Amino acid sequence: RRTIRSVFHEKRVGTPEKTAVVLNAREQILRENQVNTEAYILPKDAPPMEGLVVRKHNLAQAAVPHTSHPLNYPSLRPVEPGFSPLDRAVRDLPWESRFDLAQRMIKPRYMSECLGTPRQQYQEGLVDGLRVRPVFNPYVRLIRKKYKRLDNWESRNWDIWDPFRTFVRGSRRRYNVPNDIYPYKDELGEWHTPRLNARYRADVEKQYAYFSLPWFWRKDFFDGRFHWRDREPKGLGWWYRQEFRRERIKEAMRTMDKKVEEYRINNRRVKRYSWFEQAVVDLAGSEVASDFLRQKR
């Protein structure tokens, strides 16, 4: 087979001139940003939000990757009001099976970075300038050490790579995924550790990221992980006591005039009689003086 060095050399020789690449760089950045963001805009003929999973406007096509979608798969959740595209992208979950997601792999490619200004990062998997999934970096500078890996390691042979039959770094033996990454039981009923330890399992996970595939063999992949911005803050509770106090102050300000008048009346009633008022009570009696003096609580 042809080596990566020869393929990369052919692509570099055939690249267009510098001026043609830099001419409309800014317009291209804005256009790609808009394409990535529109993947989360609800279409006009979308079904209602109540419990519908399979929707006609995002049905998966066989062996066709969603290159314009930031997560490379249609999402499970409907569009919720008040959520930005970035907030939804970091919380999205797929509804397809693992075998359907494996068909969405995108073969790694190498290219030269756009020269001049404005410089831009690779637009795959970006939402509002933030990367929501790991993607292969095509702007990598291929040095002699990397050429040796790409030309000799079977795990870096992108032409024969299979998500269910993978090699590991430096080895020429294929492993079955996911059988070899989990503990297994032999014919005597005894459990054994996985054939692939954590180091080589991480290399297989990296190969999935090279092909823009999520690591869907994780046990809680379809359950999702609780986003740290959604959890309730822990502490002494000053934050919710302060908010409750503010709401109580707002409610009291609406009836401020009435409360001030009631306070003045009650404060006057609890005051003790003056010397003159007490003399009137002692001279005329409480029953006669009650018609002329204030009522004391």
C-alpha atoms as a PDB file:
ATOM      1  CA  ARG A   1       0.000   0.000   0.000  1.00  0.00           C
ATOM      2  CA  ARG A   2       1.054   3.581  -0.415  1.00  0.00           C
ATOM      3  CA  THR A   3       2.590   5.165   2.638  1.00  0.00           C
ATOM      4  CA  ILE A   4       1.161   8.197   4.393  1.00  0.00           C
ATOM      5  CA  ARG A   5       4.304  10.129   3.410  1.00  0.00           C
ATOM      6  CA  SER A   6       3.659   9.671  -0.307  1.00  0.00           C
ATOM      7  CA  VAL A   7      -0.049  10.529  -0.023  1.00  0.00           C
ATOM      8  CA  PHE A   8       0.686  13.616   2.028  1.00  0.00           C
ATOM      9  CA  HIS A   9       3.343  14.713  -0.485  1.00  0.00           C
ATOM     10  CA  GLU A  10       0.903  14.373  -3.373  1.00  0.00           C
ATOM     11  CA  LYS A  11      -1.675  16.495  -1.552  1.00  0.00           C
ATOM     12  CA  ARG A  12       0.844  19.202  -0.772  1.00  0.00           C
ATOM     13  CA  VAL A  13       2.045  19.377  -4.346  1.00  0.00           C
ATOM     14  CA  GLY A  14      -1.493  19.713  -5.637  1.00  0.00           C
ATOM     15  CA  THR A  15      -2.596  22.491  -3.256  1.00  0.00           C
ATOM     16  CA  PRO A  16      -3.797  25.779  -4.807  1.00  0.00           C
ATOM     17  CA  GLU A  17      -1.981  29.062  -4.533  1.00  0.00           C
ATOM     18  CA  LYS A  18      -1.829  30.968  -1.265  1.00  0.00           C
ATOM     19  CA  THR A  19      -3.912  33.899  -2.507  1.00  0.00           C
ATOM     20  CA  ALA A  20      -6.799  31.669  -3.570  1.00  0.00           C
ATOM     21  CA  VAL A  21      -6.945  30.051  -0.117  1.00  0.00           C
ATOM     22  CA  VAL A  22      -6.862  33.261   1.881  1.00  0.00           C
ATOM     23  CA  LEU A  23      -9.222  35.238  -0.399  1.00  0.00           C
ATOM     24  CA  ASN A  24     -12.555  34.546   1.331  1.00  0.00           C
ATOM     25  CA  ALA A  25     -11.325  33.032   4.601  1.00  0.00           C
ATOM     26  CA  ARG A  26     -13.520  35.157   6.849  1.00  0.00           C
ATOM     27  CA  GLU A  27     -16.683  34.421   4.858  1.00  0.00           C
ATOM     28  CA  GLN A  28     -15.881  30.705   4.960  1.00  0.00           C
ATOM     29  CA  ILE A  29     -15.499  30.800   8.757  1.00  0.00           C
ATOM     30  CA  LEU A  30     -18.880  32.477   9.199  1.00  0.00           C
ATOM     31  CA  ARG A  31     -20.534  30.053   6.785  1.00  0.00           C
ATOM     32  CA  GLU A  32     -19.147  26.963   8.557  1.00  0.00           C
ATOM     33  CA  ASN A  33     -20.126  28.381  11.934  1.00  0.00           C
ATOM     34  CA  GLN A  34     -23.681  28.891  10.681  1.00  0.00           C
ATOM     35  CA  VAL A  35     -23.864  25.325   9.348  1.00  0.00           C
ATOM     36  CA  ASN A  36     -22.738  23.881  12.678  1.00  0.00           C
ATOM     37  CA  THR A  37     -25.201  26.004  14.631  1.00  0.00           C
ATOM     38  CA  GLU A  38     -28.188  25.311  12.347  1.00  0.00           C
ATOM     39  CA  ALA A  39     -27.960  21.608  13.161  1.00  0.00           C
ATOM     40  CA  TYR A  40     -29.789  22.411  16.406  1.00  0.00           C
ATOM     41  CA  ILE A  41     -32.521  24.638  14.969  1.00  0.00           C
ATOM     42  CA  LEU A  42     -35.947  23.017  15.050  1.00  0.00           C
ATOM     43  CA  PRO A  43     -37.468  22.734  11.556  1.00  0.00           C
ATOM     44  CA  LYS A  44     -40.896  24.102  10.748  1.00  0.00           C
ATOM     45  CA  ASP A  45     -42.574  20.719  10.308  1.00  0.00           C
ATOM     46  CA  ALA A  46     -41.130  19.245  13.503  1.00  0.00           C
ATOM     47  CA  PRO A  47     -43.414  17.040  15.617  1.00  0.00           C
ATOM     48  CA  PRO A  48     -44.520  18.047  19.127  1.00  0.00           C
ATOM     49  CA  MET A  49     -42.097  17.770  22.029  1.00  0.00           C
ATOM     50  CA  GLU A  50     -44.070  15.202  24.066  1.00  0.00           C
ATOM     51  CA  GLY A  51     -42.228  11.900  24.068  1.00  0.00           C
ATOM     52  CA  LEU A  52     -41.539  11.396  20.344  1.00  0.00           C
ATOM     53  CA  VAL A  53     -38.146   9.831  19.723  1.00  0.00           C
ATOM     54  CA  VAL A  54     -37.924   8.868  16.030  1.00  0.00           C
ATOM     55  CA  ARG A  55     -38.610  11.966  13.961  1.00  0.00           C
ATOM     56  CA  LYS A  56     -38.817  12.199  10.230  1.00  0.00           C
ATOM     57  CA  HIS A  57     -36.619  15.264   9.924  1.00  0.00           C
ATOM     58  CA  ASN A  58     -33.577  13.526  11.446  1.00  0.00           C
ATOM     59  CA  LEU A  59     -33.943   9.881  10.454  1.00  0.00           C
ATOM     60  CA  ALA A  60     -30.527   8.318   9.955  1.00  0.00           C
ATOM     61  CA  GLN A  61     -29.432   7.329   6.490  1.00  0.00           C
ATOM     62  CA  ALA A  62     -27.468   4.109   6.215  1.00  0.00           C
ATOM     63  CA  ALA A  63     -23.682   4.584   6.199  1.00  0.00           C
ATOM     64  CA  VAL A  64     -23.943   8.366   5.707  1.00  0.00           C
ATOM     65  CA  PRO A  65     -22.112  10.352   8.409  1.00  0.00           C
ATOM     66  CA  HIS A  66     -23.602  13.548   9.775  1.00  0.00           C
ATOM     67  CA  THR A  67     -20.562  15.663   8.981  1.00  0.00           C
ATOM     68  CA  SER A  68     -22.429  18.932   9.526  1.00  0.00           C
ATOM     69  CA  HIS A  69     -23.821  17.817  12.882  1.00  0.00           C
ATOM     70  CA  PRO A  70     -21.569  18.777  15.822  1.00  0.00           C
ATOM     71  CA  LEU A  71     -21.946  15.359  17.490  1.00  0.00           C
ATOM     72  CA  ASN A  72     -22.070  13.227  14.301  1.00  0.00           C
ATOM     73  CA  TYR A  73     -25.406  11.647  15.308  1.00  0.00           C
ATOM     74  CA  PRO A  74     -29.047  12.770  15.609  1.00  0.00           C
ATOM     75  CA  SER A  75     -29.970  13.639  19.152  1.00  0.00           C
ATOM     76  CA  LEU A  76     -32.556  12.052  21.405  1.00  0.00           C
ATOM     77  CA  ARG A  77     -33.901  15.108  23.161  1.00  0.00           C
ATOM     78  CA  PRO A  78     -36.300  17.554  21.474  1.00  0.00           C
ATOM     79  CA  VAL A  79     -35.425  21.222  21.342  1.00  0.00           C
ATOM     80  CA  GLU A  80     -36.138  22.749  24.749  1.00  0.00           C
ATOM     81  CA  PRO A  81     -37.007  26.448  25.075  1.00  0.00           C
ATOM     82  CA  GLY A  82     -34.339  28.569  26.696  1.00  0.00           C
ATOM     83  CA  PHE A  83     -31.463  26.257  25.724  1.00  0.00           C
ATOM     84  CA  SER A  84     -28.750  27.571  23.453  1.00  0.00           C
ATOM     85  CA  PRO A  85     -27.159  25.281  20.827  1.00  0.00           C
ATOM     86  CA  LEU A  86     -24.044  24.992  22.992  1.00  0.00           C
ATOM     87  CA  ASP A  87     -26.018  24.080  26.134  1.00  0.00           C
ATOM     88  CA  ARG A  88     -27.834  21.374  24.228  1.00  0.00           C
ATOM     89  CA  ALA A  89     -24.714  19.995  22.534  1.00  0.00           C
ATOM     90  CA  VAL A  90     -22.955  19.201  25.813  1.00  0.00           C
ATOM     91  CA  ARG A  91     -26.044  17.358  27.111  1.00  0.00           C
ATOM     92  CA  ASP A  92     -27.223  15.520  23.988  1.00  0.00           C
ATOM     93  CA  LEU A  93     -27.737  11.758  23.844  1.00  0.00           C
ATOM     94  CA  PRO A  94     -28.090   9.533  20.752  1.00  0.00           C
ATOM     95  CA  TRP A  95     -31.110   7.335  20.121  1.00  0.00           C
ATOM     96  CA  GLU A  96     -29.500   4.943  17.617  1.00  0.00           C
ATOM     97  CA  SER A  97     -27.830   1.679  18.569  1.00  0.00           C
ATOM     98  CA  ARG A  98     -24.077   1.257  18.868  1.00  0.00           C
ATOM     99  CA  PHE A  99     -23.908  -0.614  15.563  1.00  0.00           C
ATOM    100  CA  ASP A 100     -25.686   2.235  13.761  1.00  0.00           C
ATOM    101  CA  LEU A 101     -23.314   4.764  15.288  1.00  0.00           C
ATOM    102  CA  ALA A 102     -20.322   2.707  14.132  1.00  0.00           C
ATOM    103  CA  GLN A 103     -21.363   3.301  10.507  1.00  0.00           C
ATOM    104  CA  ARG A 104     -20.867   7.047  10.922  1.00  0.00           C
ATOM    105  CA  MET A 105     -17.085   6.900  11.044  1.00  0.00           C
ATOM    106  CA  ILE A 106     -15.204   9.564   9.083  1.00  0.00           C
ATOM    107  CA  LYS A 107     -11.801   8.579   7.764  1.00  0.00           C
ATOM    108  CA  PRO A 108      -8.951  10.809   9.002  1.00  0.00           C
ATOM    109  CA  ARG A 109      -7.486  13.218   6.490  1.00  0.00           C
ATOM    110  CA  TYR A 110      -4.403  15.410   6.396  1.00  0.00           C
ATOM    111  CA  MET A 111      -4.223  18.930   5.034  1.00  0.00           C
ATOM    112  CA  SER A 112      -2.196  22.096   5.261  1.00  0.00           C
ATOM    113  CA  GLU A 113      -3.418  24.842   7.515  1.00  0.00           C
ATOM    114  CA  CYS A 114      -4.734  27.979   5.865  1.00  0.00           C
ATOM    115  CA  LEU A 115      -1.958  30.554   5.651  1.00  0.00           C
ATOM    116  CA  GLY A 116      -2.368  34.202   6.492  1.00  0.00           C
ATOM    117  CA  THR A 117      -5.115  35.847   8.521  1.00  0.00           C
ATOM    118  CA  PRO A 118      -7.694  35.394   9.903  1.00  0.00           C
ATOM    119  CA  ARG A 119      -6.571  32.069  11.385  1.00  0.00           C
ATOM    120  CA  GLN A 120      -9.269  29.598  12.365  1.00  0.00           C
ATOM    121  CA  GLN A 121      -9.410  26.324  14.210  1.00  0.00           C
ATOM    122  CA  TYR A 122     -10.772  23.158  12.633  1.00  0.00           C
ATOM    123  CA  GLN A 123     -14.533  23.600  12.347  1.00  0.00           C
ATOM    124  CA  GLU A 124     -15.625  19.985  12.863  1.00  0.00           C
ATOM    125  CA  GLY A 125     -17.422  19.467  16.183  1.00  0.00           C
ATOM    126  CA  LEU A 126     -17.580  23.175  17.002  1.00  0.00           C
ATOM    127  CA  VAL A 127     -20.598  24.999  18.422  1.00  0.00           C
ATOM    128  CA  ASP A 128     -20.223  28.733  19.086  1.00  0.00           C
ATOM    129  CA  GLY A 129     -16.443  28.385  18.975  1.00  0.00           C
ATOM    130  CA  LEU A 130     -16.281  25.574  21.571  1.00  0.00           C
ATOM    131  CA  ARG A 131     -15.485  21.961  20.651  1.00  0.00           C
ATOM    132  CA  VAL A 132     -18.143  19.575  21.954  1.00  0.00           C
ATOM    133  CA  ARG A 133     -16.575  16.302  20.778  1.00  0.00           C
ATOM    134  CA  PRO A 134     -13.001  15.126  20.086  1.00  0.00           C
ATOM    135  CA  VAL A 135     -12.076  15.153  16.399  1.00  0.00           C
ATOM    136  CA  PHE A 136      -8.992  14.292  14.395  1.00  0.00           C
ATOM    137  CA  ASN A 137      -6.632  17.216  13.854  1.00  0.00           C
ATOM    138  CA  PRO A 138      -5.832  17.354  10.119  1.00  0.00           C
ATOM    139  CA  TYR A 139      -3.330  20.185  10.622  1.00  0.00           C
ATOM    140  CA  VAL A 140      -0.876  17.898  12.443  1.00  0.00           C
ATOM    141  CA  ARG A 141       2.731  18.345  11.392  1.00  0.00           C
ATOM    142  CA  LEU A 142       3.958  14.939  10.250  1.00  0.00           C
ATOM    143  CA  ILE A 143       7.484  14.381  11.499  1.00  0.00           C
ATOM    144  CA  ARG A 144       9.668  11.294  11.070  1.00  0.00           C
ATOM    145  CA  LYS A 145       8.453   9.719  14.325  1.00  0.00           C
ATOM    146  CA  LYS A 146       4.800  10.039  13.290  1.00  0.00           C
ATOM    147  CA  TYR A 147       5.521   8.776   9.784  1.00  0.00           C
ATOM    148  CA  LYS A 148       6.969   5.614  11.284  1.00  0.00           C
ATOM    149  CA  ARG A 149       3.817   4.965  13.305  1.00  0.00           C
ATOM    150  CA  LEU A 150       1.486   5.616  10.394  1.00  0.00           C
ATOM    151  CA  ASP A 151       3.465   3.452   7.992  1.00  0.00           C
ATOM    152  CA  ASN A 152       4.225   0.489  10.289  1.00  0.00           C
ATOM    153  CA  TRP A 153       1.554   0.230  12.965  1.00  0.00           C
ATOM    154  CA  GLU A 154      -1.530  -1.660  11.867  1.00  0.00           C
ATOM    155  CA  SER A 155      -3.596   0.313  14.375  1.00  0.00           C
ATOM    156  CA  ARG A 156      -2.825   3.434  12.300  1.00  0.00           C
ATOM    157  CA  ASN A 157      -3.682   1.887   8.949  1.00  0.00           C
ATOM    158  CA  TRP A 158      -6.859   3.832   8.233  1.00  0.00           C
ATOM    159  CA  ASP A 159      -7.712   1.817   5.099  1.00  0.00           C
ATOM    160  CA  ILE A 160      -8.387  -1.443   6.966  1.00  0.00           C
ATOM    161  CA  TRP A 161      -9.583  -0.031  10.298  1.00  0.00           C
ATOM    162  CA  ASP A 162     -12.693  -1.710  11.728  1.00  0.00           C
ATOM    163  CA  PRO A 163     -14.420  -0.490  14.926  1.00  0.00           C
ATOM    164  CA  PHE A 164     -15.191  -4.075  15.987  1.00  0.00           C
ATOM    165  CA  ARG A 165     -11.821  -5.645  15.046  1.00  0.00           C
ATOM    166  CA  THR A 166      -9.064  -3.268  16.083  1.00  0.00           C
ATOM    167  CA  PHE A 167      -5.324  -3.398  16.523  1.00  0.00           C
ATOM    168  CA  VAL A 168      -3.465  -1.715  19.358  1.00  0.00           C
ATOM    169  CA  ARG A 169      -0.295   0.343  19.307  1.00  0.00           C
ATOM    170  CA  GLY A 170       2.768  -1.603  18.215  1.00  0.00           C
ATOM    171  CA  SER A 171       0.891  -4.921  17.849  1.00  0.00           C
ATOM    172  CA  ARG A 172      -0.156  -6.954  14.812  1.00  0.00           C
ATOM    173  CA  ARG A 173      -2.894  -8.890  16.550  1.00  0.00           C
ATOM    174  CA  ARG A 174      -6.534  -7.972  16.136  1.00  0.00           C
ATOM    175  CA  TYR A 175      -8.812  -7.720  19.173  1.00  0.00           C
ATOM    176  CA  ASN A 176     -12.571  -8.120  19.299  1.00  0.00           C
ATOM    177  CA  VAL A 177     -14.341  -5.047  20.586  1.00  0.00           C
ATOM    178  CA  PRO A 178     -16.125  -5.005  23.003  1.00  0.00           C
ATOM    179  CA  ASN A 179     -15.475  -8.631  24.102  1.00  0.00           C
ATOM    180  CA  ASP A 180     -11.793  -8.035  24.852  1.00  0.00           C
ATOM    181  CA  ILE A 181     -12.265  -4.856  26.891  1.00  0.00           C
ATOM    182  CA  TYR A 182     -14.595  -6.437  29.482  1.00  0.00           C
ATOM    183  CA  PRO A 183     -13.947  -9.248  31.997  1.00  0.00           C
ATOM    184  CA  TYR A 184     -14.854 -12.644  30.581  1.00  0.00           C
ATOM    185  CA  LYS A 185     -15.798 -16.066  31.942  1.00  0.00           C
ATOM    186  CA  ASP A 186     -14.106 -19.272  30.761  1.00  0.00           C
ATOM    187  CA  GLU A 187     -15.654 -22.702  30.219  1.00  0.00           C
ATOM    188  CA  LEU A 188     -15.180 -23.564  33.921  1.00  0.00           C
ATOM    189  CA  GLY A 189     -17.160 -20.521  35.048  1.00  0.00           C
ATOM    190  CA  GLU A 190     -14.163 -18.599  36.339  1.00  0.00           C
ATOM    191  CA  TRP A 191     -13.852 -14.868  35.700  1.00  0.00           C
ATOM    192  CA  HIS A 192     -10.709 -13.363  34.185  1.00  0.00           C
ATOM    193  CA  THR A 193      -9.446  -9.842  33.680  1.00  0.00           C
ATOM    194  CA  PRO A 194      -9.959  -8.228  30.243  1.00  0.00           C
ATOM    195  CA  ARG A 195      -7.558  -9.219  27.490  1.00  0.00           C
ATOM    196  CA  LEU A 196      -6.891  -5.538  26.868  1.00  0.00           C
ATOM    197  CA  ASN A 197      -5.681  -3.612  29.893  1.00  0.00           C
ATOM    198  CA  ALA A 198      -6.443   0.056  30.515  1.00  0.00           C
ATOM    199  CA  ARG A 199      -3.426   1.304  28.564  1.00  0.00           C
ATOM    200  CA  TYR A 200      -4.347  -0.427  25.307  1.00  0.00           C
ATOM    201  CA  ARG A 201      -8.061   0.152  25.834  1.00  0.00           C
ATOM    202  CA  ALA A 202      -7.262   3.870  25.918  1.00  0.00           C
ATOM    203  CA  ASP A 203      -5.470   3.466  22.576  1.00  0.00           C
ATOM    204  CA  VAL A 204      -8.570   1.848  21.080  1.00  0.00           C
ATOM    205  CA  GLU A 205     -10.661   4.702  22.435  1.00  0.00           C
ATOM    206  CA  LYS A 206      -8.257   7.143  20.770  1.00  0.00           C
ATOM    207  CA  GLN A 207      -8.718   5.316  17.458  1.00  0.00           C
ATOM    208  CA  TYR A 208     -12.475   5.843  17.772  1.00  0.00           C
ATOM    209  CA  ALA A 209     -11.856   9.552  18.247  1.00  0.00           C
ATOM    210  CA  TYR A 210      -9.672   9.576  15.103  1.00  0.00           C
ATOM    211  CA  PHE A 211     -12.726   8.422  13.124  1.00  0.00           C
ATOM    212  CA  SER A 212     -15.054  10.943  14.833  1.00  0.00           C
ATOM    213  CA  LEU A 213     -16.854   8.186  16.730  1.00  0.00           C
ATOM    214  CA  PRO A 214     -17.869   8.520  20.387  1.00  0.00           C
ATOM    215  CA  TRP A 215     -16.743   5.860  22.831  1.00  0.00           C
ATOM    216  CA  PHE A 216     -20.148   4.181  22.888  1.00  0.00           C
ATOM    217  CA  TRP A 217     -18.887   1.108  24.778  1.00  0.00           C
ATOM    218  CA  ARG A 218     -19.011   3.076  27.992  1.00  0.00           C
ATOM    219  CA  LYS A 219     -21.654   1.600  30.272  1.00  0.00           C
ATOM    220  CA  ASP A 220     -23.470   4.873  30.931  1.00  0.00           C
ATOM    221  CA  PHE A 221     -23.175   6.151  27.353  1.00  0.00           C
ATOM    222  CA  PHE A 222     -26.926   6.088  26.641  1.00  0.00           C
ATOM    223  CA  ASP A 223     -27.812   7.204  30.167  1.00  0.00           C
ATOM    224  CA  GLY A 224     -25.740  10.347  29.971  1.00  0.00           C
ATOM    225  CA  ARG A 225     -23.695  12.017  32.639  1.00  0.00           C
ATOM    226  CA  PHE A 226     -25.009  14.685  34.957  1.00  0.00           C
ATOM    227  CA  HIS A 227     -23.551  17.983  33.784  1.00  0.00           C
ATOM    228  CA  TRP A 228     -21.722  19.797  36.537  1.00  0.00           C
ATOM    229  CA  ARG A 229     -23.538  23.047  35.772  1.00  0.00           C
ATOM    230  CA  ASP A 230     -26.905  21.353  36.422  1.00  0.00           C
ATOM    231  CA  ARG A 231     -26.208  20.131  39.937  1.00  0.00           C
ATOM    232  CA  GLU A 232     -27.411  21.930  43.046  1.00  0.00           C
ATOM    233  CA  PRO A 233     -24.683  23.954  44.762  1.00  0.00           C
ATOM    234  CA  LYS A 234     -23.495  22.545  48.073  1.00  0.00           C
ATOM    235  CA  GLY A 235     -22.579  24.716  51.000  1.00  0.00           C
ATOM    236  CA  LEU A 236     -24.081  26.558  53.953  1.00  0.00           C
ATOM    237  CA  GLY A 237     -27.202  27.530  52.054  1.00  0.00           C
ATOM    238  CA  TRP A 238     -26.470  31.243  51.957  1.00  0.00           C
ATOM    239  CA  TRP A 239     -27.323  31.412  48.268  1.00  0.00           C
ATOM    240  CA  TYR A 240     -30.966  30.289  48.565  1.00  0.00           C
ATOM    241  CA  ARG A 241     -31.519  32.121  51.882  1.00  0.00           C
ATOM    242  CA  GLN A 242     -30.391  35.309  50.223  1.00  0.00           C
ATOM    243  CA  GLU A 243     -32.752  34.795  47.267  1.00  0.00           C
ATOM    244  CA  PHE A 244     -35.649  34.026  49.626  1.00  0.00           C
ATOM    245  CA  ARG A 245     -34.898  37.170  51.571  1.00  0.00           C
ATOM    246  CA  ARG A 246     -34.938  39.258  48.401  1.00  0.00           C
ATOM    247  CA  GLU A 247     -38.312  37.865  47.335  1.00  0.00           C
ATOM    248  CA  ARG A 248     -39.742  38.552  50.775  1.00  0.00           C
ATOM    249  CA  ILE A 249     -38.506  42.146  50.632  1.00  0.00           C
ATOM    250  CA  LYS A 250     -40.119  42.627  47.201  1.00  0.00           C
ATOM    251  CA  GLU A 251     -43.454  41.336  48.507  1.00  0.00           C
ATOM    252  CA  ALA A 252     -43.279  43.620  51.544  1.00  0.00           C
ATOM    253  CA  MET A 253     -42.516  46.694  49.415  1.00  0.00           C
ATOM    254  CA  ARG A 254     -45.858  46.342  47.614  1.00  0.00           C
ATOM    255  CA  THR A 255     -47.799  46.971  50.875  1.00  0.00           C
ATOM    256  CA  MET A 256     -45.297  49.333  52.452  1.00  0.00           C
ATOM    257  CA  ASP A 257     -47.728  52.258  53.108  1.00  0.00           C
ATOM    258  CA  LYS A 258     -50.305  50.027  54.788  1.00  0.00           C
ATOM    259  CA  LYS A 259     -47.693  48.332  56.947  1.00  0.00           C
ATOM    260  CA  VAL A 260     -46.224  51.688  58.051  1.00  0.00           C
ATOM    261  CA  GLU A 261     -49.682  52.923  59.120  1.00  0.00           C
ATOM    262  CA  GLU A 262     -50.392  49.723  61.066  1.00  0.00           C
ATOM    263  CA  TYR A 263     -47.009  49.942  62.719  1.00  0.00           C
ATOM    264  CA  ARG A 264     -47.666  53.509  63.889  1.00  0.00           C
ATOM    265  CA  ILE A 265     -51.058  52.569  65.343  1.00  0.00           C
ATOM    266  CA  ASN A 266     -49.703  49.537  67.161  1.00  0.00           C
ATOM    267  CA  ASN A 267     -46.682  51.423  68.416  1.00  0.00           C
ATOM    268  CA  ARG A 268     -48.923  54.174  69.865  1.00  0.00           C
ATOM    269  CA  ARG A 269     -51.168  51.642  71.600  1.00  0.00           C
ATOM    270  CA  VAL A 270     -48.364  49.897  73.423  1.00  0.00           C
ATOM    271  CA  LYS A 271     -46.955  53.153  74.827  1.00  0.00           C
ATOM    272  CA  ARG A 272     -47.741  53.753  78.454  1.00  0.00           C
ATOM    273  CA  TYR A 273     -49.905  56.679  79.553  1.00  0.00           C
ATOM    274  CA  SER A 274     -48.289  60.028  80.163  1.00  0.00           C
ATOM    275  CA  TRP A 275     -48.522  61.755  83.582  1.00  0.00           C
ATOM    276  CA  PHE A 276     -51.572  63.772  82.535  1.00  0.00           C
ATOM    277  CA  GLU A 277     -53.371  60.753  81.026  1.00  0.00           C
ATOM    278  CA  GLN A 278     -52.680  58.655  84.110  1.00  0.00           C
ATOM    279  CA  ALA A 279     -54.005  61.484  86.337  1.00  0.00           C
ATOM    280  CA  VAL A 280     -57.252  61.579  84.324  1.00  0.00           C
ATOM    281  CA  VAL A 281     -57.682  57.822  84.741  1.00  0.00           C
ATOM    282  CA  ASP A 282     -57.064  58.064  88.503  1.00  0.00           C
ATOM    283  CA  LEU A 283     -59.490  60.993  88.910  1.00  0.00           C
ATOM    284  CA  ALA A 284     -62.392  59.961  86.622  1.00  0.00           C
ATOM    285  CA  GLY A 285     -61.935  56.203  86.498  1.00  0.00           C
ATOM    286  CA  SER A 286     -61.128  53.950  83.585  1.00  0.00           C
ATOM    287  CA  GLU A 287     -64.709  53.611  82.291  1.00  0.00           C
ATOM    288  CA  VAL A 288     -65.324  57.367  82.026  1.00  0.00           C
ATOM    289  CA  ALA A 289     -61.807  58.186  80.837  1.00  0.00           C
ATOM    290  CA  SER A 290     -61.926  55.564  78.044  1.00  0.00           C
ATOM    291  CA  ASP A 291     -64.155  57.871  75.951  1.00  0.00           C
ATOM    292  CA  PHE A 292     -61.532  60.612  75.984  1.00  0.00           C
ATOM    293  CA  LEU A 293     -58.209  58.738  76.072  1.00  0.00           C
ATOM    294  CA  ARG A 294     -56.550  56.407  73.550  1.00  0.00           C
ATOM    295  CA  GLN A 295     -57.054  52.684  73.903  1.00  0.00           C
ATOM    296  CA  LYS A 296     -54.050  51.048  75.475  1.00  0.00           C
ATOM    297  CA  ARG A 297     -53.165  47.474  74.613  1.00  0.00           C
END
